[in-house]
C-alpha cells in the first residue's frame, strides 16, 4: 500500500479518536478507498471536495475529477458513484440540468459502480436517488436506501445522503415525518461537521410546521457551514410561514447575494410578489429568463414568482411544464408549498399524478 494511503488512514483514525465519534465502523471502511492507485484516489478526493460545495459549477468540477480518477483506474467503483451523485445534484432542486438529461447519466454511472462492486453502499444510495428523484418509485427508492444502510450502517457519507438527500427527503415526501426526523438526526450525529447533515433535521421540522424549532436548527447549521444554500432558503421559507415576510425577504436577499442561482432568485421573486412588490418581482423574473438562456432553469422556479404575484393562470401553465419536465421540486409539492394553493384543482391533479401515497 502506498505511504499516502497509510498516512490518510492514520489521520482519519486520529480525527475520529479526537472527536470521539464512531463515524464509520472500521478505519479502512471509513476511507472507502477501493483503489491502490494514488493518483486516482487523489482525483476522487478532489471530486468529493467540490461535490460537497453544492453548486452546479462545483458539481461539474466534481464530475471532471471523478472522470480523471477513472482514467487512472477504470475499475474505480467509488468514482462512478461520485459521478452519479453529481449528475443527481445537477438534475435536482439546486441543479442546472434538465432532469431527463441528468438522471439517465446518473443511473448509468450508478449501475456501473454496482457492476464493479455490488456491496458498495454509496452506489446503492446513488441508484436510490434515481428511483426517488426521477422514477418517483417510492418503494424502489426505499429498498435501495435500506440496502445502502445495511451495507454500511455507520458510514457518515451514506447516512448523510440517506437522511438528508435521500431517505429523510423520501420520508418527508410520503408523509412519514417522525421517521424522517429520526433519520435526519442520525445523520447530524454521524456527520456533525457537514452543513447538509446539520440542515436536515431543520428541514424535517419545517415540513412538520415546527417553524421556530426549524429556524433554530438552521441558524445552528450556518455555524457549521455558512456556504450551504438550502439553509438560507428554508430560513426564508420558515419566516414566510410564520408571517414574518420582511425577515423572509432579508434572508432570501442574503441568499442571492451569496449564490446567484435560479432557486434563490425564484424564492426572492416569490416573496417580493407576496409583499406587493410586483415591479421587483418582475425584475427577478427577467433575471431568471436571462439565466435560462445560459442554462436550464426549471419551470418550477418561474411558477413560484407567478404564485407570489397571484397570477394563477401563469402559475398553472408553469407548474404543468415543471411536471412534464419531471421537476424534482414536485416531490416536495405537498410538504412545504403555500397552503393557499393546495385546494387548486391543478395542484391536486399534479399531486395525484406524482403518485404520493
Foldseek 3Di string as FASTA:
>chain_A
DDPVVVVVLVVQVVVCVVVVAPQFPDSVVQLVQQDPDPQLSVLQVQLVVLVLLLAQVSLVSSLVSLVVSCVRPVLGLVSLLSNLVSLLSLQAPRHFAQVVVSLVSSCVSLVSSCVSPVLALSSLLSNLSSCVQPVLNLVSSVVSLVSSCVSTVNHLVSLLCCQQVGVLLSCLLQVVLVVSLVSLVSSCRSCVLRLRSLLRNLLSCVLVVVLVVSLVSLVVSCVSPVSDLVSLQVVLLSCVVVVNLVSSLVSLVVSCVRPVTLQSLLSNLLSCLLVVVNVVSVVSVVVNVVVCVVTPDQLCSVLSNCVSNVVVVSNLVSVVSNVVSSHSVLSCLPRRDDPVCCVPPSSVVSSVVSPRD
